Amino acid sequence: KIRIAILGYGNLGRGVELAVRQNPDMTLVGVFTRRDPKNIACTAQA
């Protein structure tokens, strides 16, 4: 699978997370944020 990472977790970043789920040839390996990662609720590691 293509390993995808997201930089920035606003409206667009959350949309990318949802879109990756709909593409079986991809996997989300991480979300990278300027905020405190402990406060990010996502399906991948923040």
PDB file of all heavy atoms in Angstrom:
ATOM      1  N   LYS A   1       0.825  -1.194   0.000  1.00  0.00           N
ATOM      2  CA  LYS A   1       0.000   0.000   0.000  1.00  0.00           C
ATOM      3  C   LYS A   1       0.867   1.255   0.000  1.00  0.00           C
ATOM      4  O   LYS A   1       1.981   1.276   0.533  1.00  0.00           O
ATOM      5  CB  LYS A   1      -0.922   0.006   1.213  1.00  0.00           C
ATOM      6  CG  LYS A   1      -1.997  -1.071   1.171  1.00  0.00           C
ATOM      7  CD  LYS A   1      -2.985  -0.912   2.323  1.00  0.00           C
ATOM      8  CE  LYS A   1      -4.116  -1.937   2.204  1.00  0.00           C
ATOM      9  NZ  LYS A   1      -5.138  -1.748   3.275  1.00  0.00           N
ATOM     10  N   ILE A   2       0.328   2.310  -0.610  1.00  0.00           N
ATOM     11  CA  ILE A   2       1.000   3.607  -0.618  1.00  0.00           C
ATOM     12  C   ILE A   2       0.853   4.217   0.769  1.00  0.00           C
ATOM     13  O   ILE A   2      -0.259   4.356   1.296  1.00  0.00           O
ATOM     14  CB  ILE A   2       0.378   4.535  -1.682  1.00  0.00           C
ATOM     15  CG1 ILE A   2       0.451   3.886  -3.072  1.00  0.00           C
ATOM     16  CG2 ILE A   2       1.090   5.891  -1.688  1.00  0.00           C
ATOM     17  CD1 ILE A   2      -0.355   4.628  -4.130  1.00  0.00           C
ATOM     18  N   ARG A   3       1.959   4.607   1.357  1.00  0.00           N
ATOM     19  CA  ARG A   3       1.959   5.124   2.731  1.00  0.00           C
ATOM     20  C   ARG A   3       1.809   6.652   2.698  1.00  0.00           C
ATOM     21  O   ARG A   3       2.695   7.364   2.229  1.00  0.00           O
ATOM     22  CB  ARG A   3       3.243   4.706   3.437  1.00  0.00           C
ATOM     23  CG  ARG A   3       3.414   3.181   3.537  1.00  0.00           C
ATOM     24  CD  ARG A   3       4.808   2.820   4.027  1.00  0.00           C
ATOM     25  NE  ARG A   3       5.842   3.295   3.108  1.00  0.00           N
ATOM     26  CZ  ARG A   3       7.147   3.259   3.361  1.00  0.00           C
ATOM     27  NH1 ARG A   3       7.587   2.779   4.515  1.00  0.00           N
ATOM     28  NH2 ARG A   3       8.017   3.718   2.473  1.00  0.00           N
ATOM     29  N   ILE A   4       0.669   7.116   3.191  1.00  0.00           N
ATOM     30  CA  ILE A   4       0.308   8.526   3.152  1.00  0.00           C
ATOM     31  C   ILE A   4       0.493   9.144   4.537  1.00  0.00           C
ATOM     32  O   ILE A   4       0.127   8.551   5.556  1.00  0.00           O
ATOM     33  CB  ILE A   4      -1.158   8.712   2.715  1.00  0.00           C
ATOM     34  CG1 ILE A   4      -1.400   8.075   1.335  1.00  0.00           C
ATOM     35  CG2 ILE A   4      -1.544  10.186   2.731  1.00  0.00           C
ATOM     36  CD1 ILE A   4      -0.660   8.745   0.203  1.00  0.00           C
ATOM     37  N   ALA A   5       1.032  10.355   4.570  1.00  0.00           N
ATOM     38  CA  ALA A   5       1.070  11.150   5.794  1.00  0.00           C
ATOM     39  C   ALA A   5       0.408  12.488   5.530  1.00  0.00           C
ATOM     40  O   ALA A   5       0.429  13.009   4.401  1.00  0.00           O
ATOM     41  CB  ALA A   5       2.503  11.350   6.276  1.00  0.00           C
ATOM     42  N   ILE A   6      -0.187  13.042   6.567  1.00  0.00           N
ATOM     43  CA  ILE A   6      -0.904  14.320   6.490  1.00  0.00           C
ATOM     44  C   ILE A   6      -0.152  15.354   7.309  1.00  0.00           C
ATOM     45  O   ILE A   6       0.216  15.092   8.457  1.00  0.00           O
ATOM     46  CB  ILE A   6      -2.340  14.181   7.040  1.00  0.00           C
ATOM     47  CG1 ILE A   6      -3.168  13.229   6.172  1.00  0.00           C
ATOM     48  CG2 ILE A   6      -3.020  15.542   7.137  1.00  0.00           C
ATOM     49  CD1 ILE A   6      -4.518  12.867   6.785  1.00  0.00           C
ATOM     50  N   LEU A   7       0.067  16.523   6.730  1.00  0.00           N
ATOM     51  CA  LEU A   7       0.627  17.643   7.479  1.00  0.00           C
ATOM     52  C   LEU A   7      -0.456  18.704   7.618  1.00  0.00           C
ATOM     53  O   LEU A   7      -0.858  19.332   6.628  1.00  0.00           O
ATOM     54  CB  LEU A   7       1.842  18.231   6.757  1.00  0.00           C
ATOM     55  CG  LEU A   7       2.472  19.463   7.416  1.00  0.00           C
ATOM     56  CD1 LEU A   7       2.946  19.145   8.834  1.00  0.00           C
ATOM     57  CD2 LEU A   7       3.621  20.002   6.582  1.00  0.00           C
ATOM     58  N   GLY A   8      -0.949  18.888   8.836  1.00  0.00           N
ATOM     59  CA  GLY A   8      -2.022  19.841   9.096  1.00  0.00           C
ATOM     60  C   GLY A   8      -3.351  19.128   9.248  1.00  0.00           C
ATOM     61  O   GLY A   8      -3.748  18.367   8.363  1.00  0.00           O
ATOM     62  N   TYR A   9      -4.032  19.354  10.370  1.00  0.00           N
ATOM     63  CA  TYR A   9      -5.241  18.584  10.653  1.00  0.00           C
ATOM     64  C   TYR A   9      -6.444  19.498  10.904  1.00  0.00           C
ATOM     65  O   TYR A   9      -7.109  19.427  11.926  1.00  0.00           O
ATOM     66  CB  TYR A   9      -5.009  17.656  11.846  1.00  0.00           C
ATOM     67  CG  TYR A   9      -6.025  16.527  11.948  1.00  0.00           C
ATOM     68  CD1 TYR A   9      -6.115  15.564  10.949  1.00  0.00           C
ATOM     69  CD2 TYR A   9      -6.883  16.444  13.037  1.00  0.00           C
ATOM     70  CE1 TYR A   9      -7.038  14.540  11.042  1.00  0.00           C
ATOM     71  CE2 TYR A   9      -7.811  15.420  13.137  1.00  0.00           C
ATOM     72  CZ  TYR A   9      -7.891  14.470  12.134  1.00  0.00           C
ATOM     73  OH  TYR A   9      -8.818  13.453  12.223  1.00  0.00           O
ATOM     74  N   GLY A  10      -6.700  20.368   9.926  1.00  0.00           N
ATOM     75  CA  GLY A  10      -7.924  21.161   9.927  1.00  0.00           C
ATOM     76  C   GLY A  10      -8.986  20.464   9.094  1.00  0.00           C
ATOM     77  O   GLY A  10      -8.990  19.230   8.970  1.00  0.00           O
ATOM     78  N   ASN A  11      -9.877  21.236   8.493  1.00  0.00           N
ATOM     79  CA  ASN A  11     -10.951  20.651   7.676  1.00  0.00           C
ATOM     80  C   ASN A  11     -10.395  19.805   6.536  1.00  0.00           C
ATOM     81  O   ASN A  11     -10.894  18.714   6.252  1.00  0.00           O
ATOM     82  CB  ASN A  11     -11.852  21.753   7.114  1.00  0.00           C
ATOM     83  CG  ASN A  11     -12.700  22.427   8.172  1.00  0.00           C
ATOM     84  OD1 ASN A  11     -13.149  21.780   9.120  1.00  0.00           O
ATOM     85  ND2 ASN A  11     -12.943  23.718   8.025  1.00  0.00           N
ATOM     86  N   LEU A  12      -9.359  20.315   5.863  1.00  0.00           N
ATOM     87  CA  LEU A  12      -8.790  19.581   4.730  1.00  0.00           C
ATOM     88  C   LEU A  12      -8.069  18.324   5.197  1.00  0.00           C
ATOM     89  O   LEU A  12      -8.207  17.253   4.592  1.00  0.00           O
ATOM     90  CB  LEU A  12      -7.842  20.492   3.950  1.00  0.00           C
ATOM     91  CG  LEU A  12      -7.255  19.911   2.667  1.00  0.00           C
ATOM     92  CD1 LEU A  12      -8.361  19.501   1.689  1.00  0.00           C
ATOM     93  CD2 LEU A  12      -6.311  20.924   2.003  1.00  0.00           C
ATOM     94  N   GLY A  13      -7.300  18.424   6.266  1.00  0.00           N
ATOM     95  CA  GLY A  13      -6.595  17.249   6.784  1.00  0.00           C
ATOM     96  C   GLY A  13      -7.541  16.151   7.200  1.00  0.00           C
ATOM     97  O   GLY A  13      -7.300  14.964   6.927  1.00  0.00           O
ATOM     98  N   ARG A  14      -8.635  16.523   7.859  1.00  0.00           N
ATOM     99  CA  ARG A  14      -9.631  15.520   8.237  1.00  0.00           C
ATOM    100  C   ARG A  14     -10.275  14.906   7.003  1.00  0.00           C
ATOM    101  O   ARG A  14     -10.595  13.715   6.980  1.00  0.00           O
ATOM    102  CB  ARG A  14     -10.683  16.153   9.153  1.00  0.00           C
ATOM    103  CG  ARG A  14     -10.158  16.435  10.558  1.00  0.00           C
ATOM    104  CD  ARG A  14     -11.275  16.862  11.495  1.00  0.00           C
ATOM    105  NE  ARG A  14     -11.745  18.209  11.181  1.00  0.00           N
ATOM    106  CZ  ARG A  14     -11.232  19.324  11.701  1.00  0.00           C
ATOM    107  NH1 ARG A  14     -10.212  19.251  12.546  1.00  0.00           N
ATOM    108  NH2 ARG A  14     -11.718  20.511  11.383  1.00  0.00           N
ATOM    109  N   GLY A  15     -10.458  15.706   5.947  1.00  0.00           N
ATOM    110  CA  GLY A  15     -10.993  15.173   4.699  1.00  0.00           C
ATOM    111  C   GLY A  15     -10.061  14.166   4.057  1.00  0.00           C
ATOM    112  O   GLY A  15     -10.498  13.138   3.524  1.00  0.00           O
ATOM    113  N   VAL A  16      -8.744  14.437   4.104  1.00  0.00           N
ATOM    114  CA  VAL A  16      -7.765  13.485   3.561  1.00  0.00           C
ATOM    115  C   VAL A  16      -7.828  12.178   4.337  1.00  0.00           C
ATOM    116  O   VAL A  16      -7.773  11.083   3.756  1.00  0.00           O
ATOM    117  CB  VAL A  16      -6.353  14.087   3.590  1.00  0.00           C
ATOM    118  CG1 VAL A  16      -5.306  13.013   3.273  1.00  0.00           C
ATOM    119  CG2 VAL A  16      -6.237  15.238   2.601  1.00  0.00           C
ATOM    120  N   GLU A  17      -7.936  12.262   5.657  1.00  0.00           N
ATOM    121  CA  GLU A  17      -8.048  11.049   6.470  1.00  0.00           C
ATOM    122  C   GLU A  17      -9.232  10.199   6.016  1.00  0.00           C
ATOM    123  O   GLU A  17      -9.114   8.970   5.846  1.00  0.00           O
ATOM    124  CB  GLU A  17      -8.209  11.435   7.933  1.00  0.00           C
ATOM    125  CG  GLU A  17      -8.373  10.247   8.877  1.00  0.00           C
ATOM    126  CD  GLU A  17      -8.650  10.669  10.302  1.00  0.00           C
ATOM    127  OE1 GLU A  17      -9.088  11.820  10.524  1.00  0.00           O
ATOM    128  OE2 GLU A  17      -8.447   9.835  11.211  1.00  0.00           O
ATOM    129  N   LEU A  18     -10.378  10.832   5.784  1.00  0.00           N
ATOM    130  CA  LEU A  18     -11.572  10.104   5.329  1.00  0.00           C
ATOM    131  C   LEU A  18     -11.365   9.520   3.937  1.00  0.00           C
ATOM    132  O   LEU A  18     -11.786   8.389   3.655  1.00  0.00           O
ATOM    133  CB  LEU A  18     -12.780  11.042   5.335  1.00  0.00           C
ATOM    134  CG  LEU A  18     -13.248  11.552   6.698  1.00  0.00           C
ATOM    135  CD1 LEU A  18     -14.318  12.635   6.526  1.00  0.00           C
ATOM    136  CD2 LEU A  18     -13.783  10.409   7.549  1.00  0.00           C
ATOM    137  N   ALA A  19     -10.720  10.276   3.056  1.00  0.00           N
ATOM    138  CA  ALA A  19     -10.522   9.821   1.679  1.00  0.00           C
ATOM    139  C   ALA A  19      -9.581   8.627   1.603  1.00  0.00           C
ATOM    140  O   ALA A  19      -9.787   7.708   0.804  1.00  0.00           O
ATOM    141  CB  ALA A  19      -9.996  10.969   0.820  1.00  0.00           C
ATOM    142  N   VAL A  20      -8.535   8.630   2.414  1.00  0.00           N
ATOM    143  CA  VAL A  20      -7.596   7.503   2.412  1.00  0.00           C
ATOM    144  C   VAL A  20      -8.326   6.211   2.770  1.00  0.00           C
ATOM    145  O   VAL A  20      -8.052   5.146   2.200  1.00  0.00           O
ATOM    146  CB  VAL A  20      -6.425   7.767   3.380  1.00  0.00           C
ATOM    147  CG1 VAL A  20      -5.594   6.500   3.588  1.00  0.00           C
ATOM    148  CG2 VAL A  20      -5.535   8.890   2.840  1.00  0.00           C
ATOM    149  N   ARG A  21      -9.276   6.294   3.678  1.00  0.00           N
ATOM    150  CA  ARG A  21     -10.044   5.109   4.064  1.00  0.00           C
ATOM    151  C   ARG A  21     -10.808   4.508   2.887  1.00  0.00           C
ATOM    152  O   ARG A  21     -11.080   3.309   2.858  1.00  0.00           O
ATOM    153  CB  ARG A  21     -11.062   5.465   5.147  1.00  0.00           C
ATOM    154  CG  ARG A  21     -10.475   5.805   6.503  1.00  0.00           C
ATOM    155  CD  ARG A  21     -11.614   5.962   7.494  1.00  0.00           C
ATOM    156  NE  ARG A  21     -11.312   6.912   8.555  1.00  0.00           N
ATOM    157  CZ  ARG A  21     -12.212   7.397   9.387  1.00  0.00           C
ATOM    158  NH1 ARG A  21     -13.485   7.039   9.271  1.00  0.00           N
ATOM    159  NH2 ARG A  21     -11.861   8.244  10.341  1.00  0.00           N
ATOM    160  N   GLN A  22     -11.167   5.337   1.910  1.00  0.00           N
ATOM    161  CA  GLN A  22     -11.947   4.862   0.772  1.00  0.00           C
ATOM    162  C   GLN A  22     -11.077   4.362  -0.373  1.00  0.00           C
ATOM    163  O   GLN A  22     -11.601   3.969  -1.418  1.00  0.00           O
ATOM    164  CB  GLN A  22     -12.866   5.991   0.275  1.00  0.00           C
ATOM    165  CG  GLN A  22     -13.922   6.398   1.295  1.00  0.00           C
ATOM    166  CD  GLN A  22     -14.854   7.474   0.773  1.00  0.00           C
ATOM    167  OE1 GLN A  22     -14.467   8.321  -0.037  1.00  0.00           O
ATOM    168  NE2 GLN A  22     -16.105   7.443   1.212  1.00  0.00           N
ATOM    169  N   ASN A  23      -9.778   4.358  -0.188  1.00  0.00           N
ATOM    170  CA  ASN A  23      -8.850   3.902  -1.225  1.00  0.00           C
ATOM    171  C   ASN A  23      -8.045   2.723  -0.687  1.00  0.00           C
ATOM    172  O   ASN A  23      -7.073   2.915   0.061  1.00  0.00           O
ATOM    173  CB  ASN A  23      -7.922   5.052  -1.633  1.00  0.00           C
ATOM    174  CG  ASN A  23      -8.635   6.111  -2.442  1.00  0.00           C
ATOM    175  OD1 ASN A  23      -8.651   6.067  -3.669  1.00  0.00           O
ATOM    176  ND2 ASN A  23      -9.242   7.075  -1.765  1.00  0.00           N
ATOM    177  N   PRO A  24      -8.407   1.498  -1.054  1.00  0.00           N
ATOM    178  CA  PRO A  24      -7.800   0.305  -0.457  1.00  0.00           C
ATOM    179  C   PRO A  24      -6.328   0.111  -0.784  1.00  0.00           C
ATOM    180  O   PRO A  24      -5.670  -0.714  -0.147  1.00  0.00           O
ATOM    181  CB  PRO A  24      -8.644  -0.842  -1.022  1.00  0.00           C
ATOM    182  CG  PRO A  24      -9.297  -0.287  -2.242  1.00  0.00           C
ATOM    183  CD  PRO A  24      -9.522   1.154  -1.980  1.00  0.00           C
ATOM    184  N   ASP A  25      -5.803   0.869  -1.753  1.00  0.00           N
ATOM    185  CA  ASP A  25      -4.374   0.732  -2.066  1.00  0.00           C
ATOM    186  C   ASP A  25      -3.520   1.701  -1.259  1.00  0.00           C
ATOM    187  O   ASP A  25      -2.318   1.836  -1.517  1.00  0.00           O
ATOM    188  CB  ASP A  25      -4.134   0.953  -3.569  1.00  0.00           C
ATOM    189  CG  ASP A  25      -4.525   2.347  -4.036  1.00  0.00           C
ATOM    190  OD1 ASP A  25      -5.440   2.956  -3.434  1.00  0.00           O
ATOM    191  OD2 ASP A  25      -3.923   2.843  -5.019  1.00  0.00           O
ATOM    192  N   MET A  26      -4.129   2.348  -0.250  1.00  0.00           N
ATOM    193  CA  MET A  26      -3.399   3.330   0.549  1.00  0.00           C
ATOM    194  C   MET A  26      -3.570   3.043   2.030  1.00  0.00           C
ATOM    195  O   MET A  26      -4.535   2.413   2.460  1.00  0.00           O
ATOM    196  CB  MET A  26      -3.920   4.741   0.259  1.00  0.00           C
ATOM    197  CG  MET A  26      -3.703   5.207  -1.163  1.00  0.00           C
ATOM    198  SD  MET A  26      -4.230   6.923  -1.359  1.00  0.00           S
ATOM    199  CE  MET A  26      -3.777   7.184  -3.076  1.00  0.00           C
ATOM    200  N   THR A  27      -2.627   3.553   2.822  1.00  0.00           N
ATOM    201  CA  THR A  27      -2.740   3.486   4.271  1.00  0.00           C
ATOM    202  C   THR A  27      -2.215   4.787   4.857  1.00  0.00           C
ATOM    203  O   THR A  27      -1.257   5.379   4.331  1.00  0.00           O
ATOM    204  CB  THR A  27      -1.956   2.280   4.835  1.00  0.00           C
ATOM    205  OG1 THR A  27      -2.191   2.183   6.234  1.00  0.00           O
ATOM    206  CG2 THR A  27      -0.468   2.399   4.579  1.00  0.00           C
ATOM    207  N   LEU A  28      -2.857   5.245   5.919  1.00  0.00           N
ATOM    208  CA  LEU A  28      -2.448   6.479   6.583  1.00  0.00           C
ATOM    209  C   LEU A  28      -1.475   6.130   7.703  1.00  0.00           C
ATOM    210  O   LEU A  28      -1.833   5.421   8.648  1.00  0.00           O
ATOM    211  CB  LEU A  28      -3.676   7.207   7.150  1.00  0.00           C
ATOM    212  CG  LEU A  28      -3.418   8.556   7.818  1.00  0.00           C
ATOM    213  CD1 LEU A  28      -2.808   9.546   6.844  1.00  0.00           C
ATOM    214  CD2 LEU A  28      -4.717   9.109   8.395  1.00  0.00           C
ATOM    215  N   VAL A  29      -0.248   6.629   7.601  1.00  0.00           N
ATOM    216  CA  VAL A  29       0.785   6.253   8.564  1.00  0.00           C
ATOM    217  C   VAL A  29       1.024   7.309   9.627  1.00  0.00           C
ATOM    218  O   VAL A  29       1.723   7.054  10.612  1.00  0.00           O
ATOM    219  CB  VAL A  29       2.115   5.932   7.849  1.00  0.00           C
ATOM    220  CG1 VAL A  29       1.944   4.736   6.931  1.00  0.00           C
ATOM    221  CG2 VAL A  29       2.638   7.144   7.078  1.00  0.00           C
ATOM    222  N   GLY A  30       0.442   8.502   9.465  1.00  0.00           N
ATOM    223  CA  GLY A  30       0.632   9.513  10.488  1.00  0.00           C
ATOM    224  C   GLY A  30       0.000  10.839  10.130  1.00  0.00           C
ATOM    225  O   GLY A  30      -0.164  11.177   8.954  1.00  0.00           O
ATOM    226  N   VAL A  31      -0.371  11.573  11.172  1.00  0.00           N
ATOM    227  CA  VAL A  31      -0.866  12.938  11.058  1.00  0.00           C
ATOM    228  C   VAL A  31       0.107  13.829  11.819  1.00  0.00           C
ATOM    229  O   VAL A  31       0.397  13.576  12.996  1.00  0.00           O
ATOM    230  CB  VAL A  31      -2.286  13.072  11.642  1.00  0.00           C
ATOM    231  CG1 VAL A  31      -2.705  14.534  11.720  1.00  0.00           C
ATOM    232  CG2 VAL A  31      -3.284  12.269  10.820  1.00  0.00           C
ATOM    233  N   PHE A  32       0.609  14.856  11.161  1.00  0.00           N
ATOM    234  CA  PHE A  32       1.596  15.745  11.772  1.00  0.00           C
ATOM    235  C   PHE A  32       0.973  17.129  11.944  1.00  0.00           C
ATOM    236  O   PHE A  32       0.374  17.667  11.008  1.00  0.00           O
ATOM    237  CB  PHE A  32       2.852  15.805  10.902  1.00  0.00           C
ATOM    238  CG  PHE A  32       3.567  14.480  10.830  1.00  0.00           C
ATOM    239  CD1 PHE A  32       3.158  13.499   9.929  1.00  0.00           C
ATOM    240  CD2 PHE A  32       4.617  14.202  11.689  1.00  0.00           C
ATOM    241  CE1 PHE A  32       3.795  12.265   9.871  1.00  0.00           C
ATOM    242  CE2 PHE A  32       5.271  12.967  11.639  1.00  0.00           C
ATOM    243  CZ  PHE A  32       4.847  12.002  10.735  1.00  0.00           C
ATOM    244  N   THR A  33       1.104  17.682  13.133  1.00  0.00           N
ATOM    245  CA  THR A  33       0.378  18.898  13.481  1.00  0.00           C
ATOM    246  C   THR A  33       1.218  19.829  14.318  1.00  0.00           C
ATOM    247  O   THR A  33       2.105  19.394  15.065  1.00  0.00           O
ATOM    248  CB  THR A  33      -0.921  18.530  14.242  1.00  0.00           C
ATOM    249  OG1 THR A  33      -1.580  19.735  14.668  1.00  0.00           O
ATOM    250  CG2 THR A  33      -0.621  17.672  15.461  1.00  0.00           C
ATOM    251  N   ARG A  34       0.914  21.129  14.212  1.00  0.00           N
ATOM    252  CA  ARG A  34       1.563  22.120  15.062  1.00  0.00           C
ATOM    253  C   ARG A  34       0.914  22.179  16.446  1.00  0.00           C
ATOM    254  O   ARG A  34       1.469  22.765  17.372  1.00  0.00           O
ATOM    255  CB  ARG A  34       1.503  23.500  14.402  1.00  0.00           C
ATOM    256  CG  ARG A  34       2.396  23.622  13.175  1.00  0.00           C
ATOM    257  CD  ARG A  34       2.255  24.944  12.469  1.00  0.00           C
ATOM    258  NE  ARG A  34       0.964  25.098  11.835  1.00  0.00           N
ATOM    259  CZ  ARG A  34       0.727  25.914  10.801  1.00  0.00           C
ATOM    260  NH1 ARG A  34       1.721  26.631  10.298  1.00  0.00           N
ATOM    261  NH2 ARG A  34      -0.461  26.008  10.279  1.00  0.00           N
ATOM    262  N   ARG A  35      -0.281  21.590  16.557  1.00  0.00           N
ATOM    263  CA  ARG A  35      -0.952  21.535  17.858  1.00  0.00           C
ATOM    264  C   ARG A  35      -0.371  20.392  18.705  1.00  0.00           C
ATOM    265  O   ARG A  35       0.444  19.598  18.219  1.00  0.00           O
ATOM    266  CB  ARG A  35      -2.456  21.328  17.660  1.00  0.00           C
ATOM    267  CG  ARG A  35      -3.165  22.542  17.068  1.00  0.00           C
ATOM    268  CD  ARG A  35      -4.633  22.259  16.839  1.00  0.00           C
ATOM    269  NE  ARG A  35      -4.855  21.510  15.616  1.00  0.00           N
ATOM    270  CZ  ARG A  35      -6.013  20.927  15.298  1.00  0.00           C
ATOM    271  NH1 ARG A  35      -7.028  20.982  16.135  1.00  0.00           N
ATOM    272  NH2 ARG A  35      -6.150  20.283  14.147  1.00  0.00           N
ATOM    273  N   ASP A  36      -0.821  20.275  19.932  1.00  0.00           N
ATOM    274  CA  ASP A  36      -0.388  19.184  20.792  1.00  0.00           C
ATOM    275  C   ASP A  36      -0.966  17.876  20.256  1.00  0.00           C
ATOM    276  O   ASP A  36      -2.190  17.723  20.198  1.00  0.00           O
ATOM    277  CB  ASP A  36      -0.882  19.423  22.219  1.00  0.00           C
ATOM    278  CG  ASP A  36      -0.343  18.394  23.210  1.00  0.00           C
ATOM    279  OD1 ASP A  36       0.143  17.330  22.768  1.00  0.00           O
ATOM    280  OD2 ASP A  36      -0.432  18.646  24.426  1.00  0.00           O
ATOM    281  N   PRO A  37      -0.136  16.929  19.831  1.00  0.00           N
ATOM    282  CA  PRO A  37      -0.661  15.677  19.259  1.00  0.00           C
ATOM    283  C   PRO A  37      -1.610  14.939  20.202  1.00  0.00           C
ATOM    284  O   PRO A  37      -2.488  14.198  19.746  1.00  0.00           O
ATOM    285  CB  PRO A  37       0.604  14.855  18.989  1.00  0.00           C
ATOM    286  CG  PRO A  37       1.698  15.866  18.866  1.00  0.00           C
ATOM    287  CD  PRO A  37       1.333  16.976  19.803  1.00  0.00           C
ATOM    288  N   LYS A  38      -1.451  15.144  21.503  1.00  0.00           N
ATOM    289  CA  LYS A  38      -2.325  14.468  22.460  1.00  0.00           C
ATOM    290  C   LYS A  38      -3.767  14.924  22.329  1.00  0.00           C
ATOM    291  O   LYS A  38      -4.691  14.208  22.747  1.00  0.00           O
ATOM    292  CB  LYS A  38      -1.831  14.726  23.886  1.00  0.00           C
ATOM    293  CG  LYS A  38      -0.454  14.144  24.183  1.00  0.00           C
ATOM    294  CD  LYS A  38      -0.004  14.491  25.596  1.00  0.00           C
ATOM    295  CE  LYS A  38       1.401  13.960  25.877  1.00  0.00           C
ATOM    296  NZ  LYS A  38       1.861  14.357  27.238  1.00  0.00           N
ATOM    297  N   ASN A  39      -3.983  16.095  21.727  1.00  0.00           N
ATOM    298  CA  ASN A  39      -5.332  16.636  21.580  1.00  0.00           C
ATOM    299  C   ASN A  39      -5.939  16.338  20.221  1.00  0.00           C
ATOM    300  O   ASN A  39      -7.021  16.837  19.903  1.00  0.00           O
ATOM    301  CB  ASN A  39      -5.316  18.152  21.808  1.00  0.00           C
ATOM    302  CG  ASN A  39      -4.885  18.517  23.212  1.00  0.00           C
ATOM    303  OD1 ASN A  39      -5.145  17.763  24.159  1.00  0.00           O
ATOM    304  ND2 ASN A  39      -4.225  19.655  23.365  1.00  0.00           N
ATOM    305  N   ILE A  40      -5.253  15.544  19.405  1.00  0.00           N
ATOM    306  CA  ILE A  40      -5.735  15.209  18.061  1.00  0.00           C
ATOM    307  C   ILE A  40      -6.385  13.834  18.086  1.00  0.00           C
ATOM    308  O   ILE A  40      -5.731  12.828  18.400  1.00  0.00           O
ATOM    309  CB  ILE A  40      -4.580  15.223  17.036  1.00  0.00           C
ATOM    310  CG1 ILE A  40      -3.922  16.604  16.994  1.00  0.00           C
ATOM    311  CG2 ILE A  40      -5.080  14.823  15.656  1.00  0.00           C
ATOM    312  CD1 ILE A  40      -4.829  17.711  16.530  1.00  0.00           C
ATOM    313  N   ALA A  41      -7.674  13.784  17.756  1.00  0.00           N
ATOM    314  CA  ALA A  41      -8.404  12.516  17.697  1.00  0.00           C
ATOM    315  C   ALA A  41      -8.505  12.076  16.243  1.00  0.00           C
ATOM    316  O   ALA A  41      -9.320  12.591  15.481  1.00  0.00           O
ATOM    317  CB  ALA A  41      -9.790  12.663  18.309  1.00  0.00           C
ATOM    318  N   CYS A  42      -7.644  11.161  15.835  1.00  0.00           N
ATOM    319  CA  CYS A  42      -7.650  10.684  14.456  1.00  0.00           C
ATOM    320  C   CYS A  42      -7.394   9.179  14.451  1.00  0.00           C
ATOM    321  O   CYS A  42      -7.060   8.584  15.481  1.00  0.00           O
ATOM    322  CB  CYS A  42      -6.598  11.407  13.618  1.00  0.00           C
ATOM    323  SG  CYS A  42      -4.913  11.236  14.231  1.00  0.00           S
ATOM    324  N   THR A  43      -7.559   8.556  13.282  1.00  0.00           N
ATOM    325  CA  THR A  43      -7.439   7.102  13.185  1.00  0.00           C
ATOM    326  C   THR A  43      -5.991   6.645  13.110  1.00  0.00           C
ATOM    327  O   THR A  43      -5.709   5.468  13.305  1.00  0.00           O
ATOM    328  CB  THR A  43      -8.199   6.596  11.959  1.00  0.00           C
ATOM    329  OG1 THR A  43      -7.689   7.254  10.788  1.00  0.00           O
ATOM    330  CG2 THR A  43      -9.693   6.889  12.087  1.00  0.00           C
ATOM    331  N   ALA A  44      -5.079   7.560  12.809  1.00  0.00           N
ATOM    332  CA  ALA A  44      -3.651   7.223  12.746  1.00  0.00           C
ATOM    333  C   ALA A  44      -2.929   7.856  13.930  1.00  0.00           C
ATOM    334  O   ALA A  44      -3.514   8.634  14.686  1.00  0.00           O
ATOM    335  CB  ALA A  44      -3.053   7.715  11.433  1.00  0.00           C
ATOM    336  N   GLN A  45      -1.667   7.542  14.059  1.00  0.00           N
ATOM    337  CA  GLN A  45      -0.864   8.149  15.112  1.00  0.00           C
ATOM    338  C   GLN A  45      -0.646   9.628  14.794  1.00  0.00           C
ATOM    339  O   GLN A  45      -0.343   9.998  13.661  1.00  0.00           O
ATOM    340  CB  GLN A  45       0.481   7.437  15.211  1.00  0.00           C
ATOM    341  CG  GLN A  45       1.411   8.003  16.253  1.00  0.00           C
ATOM    342  CD  GLN A  45       0.904   7.758  17.672  1.00  0.00           C
ATOM    343  OE1 GLN A  45       0.483   6.651  17.988  1.00  0.00           O
ATOM    344  NE2 GLN A  45       0.948   8.787  18.498  1.00  0.00           N
ATOM    345  N   ALA A  46      -0.838  10.479  15.788  1.00  0.00           N
ATOM    346  CA  ALA A  46      -0.594  11.910  15.629  1.00  0.00           C
ATOM    347  C   ALA A  46       0.784  12.249  16.190  1.00  0.00           C
ATOM    348  O   ALA A  46       1.188  11.748  17.249  1.00  0.00           O
ATOM    349  CB  ALA A  46      -1.660  12.717  16.334  1.00  0.00           C
TER     350      ALA A  46
END
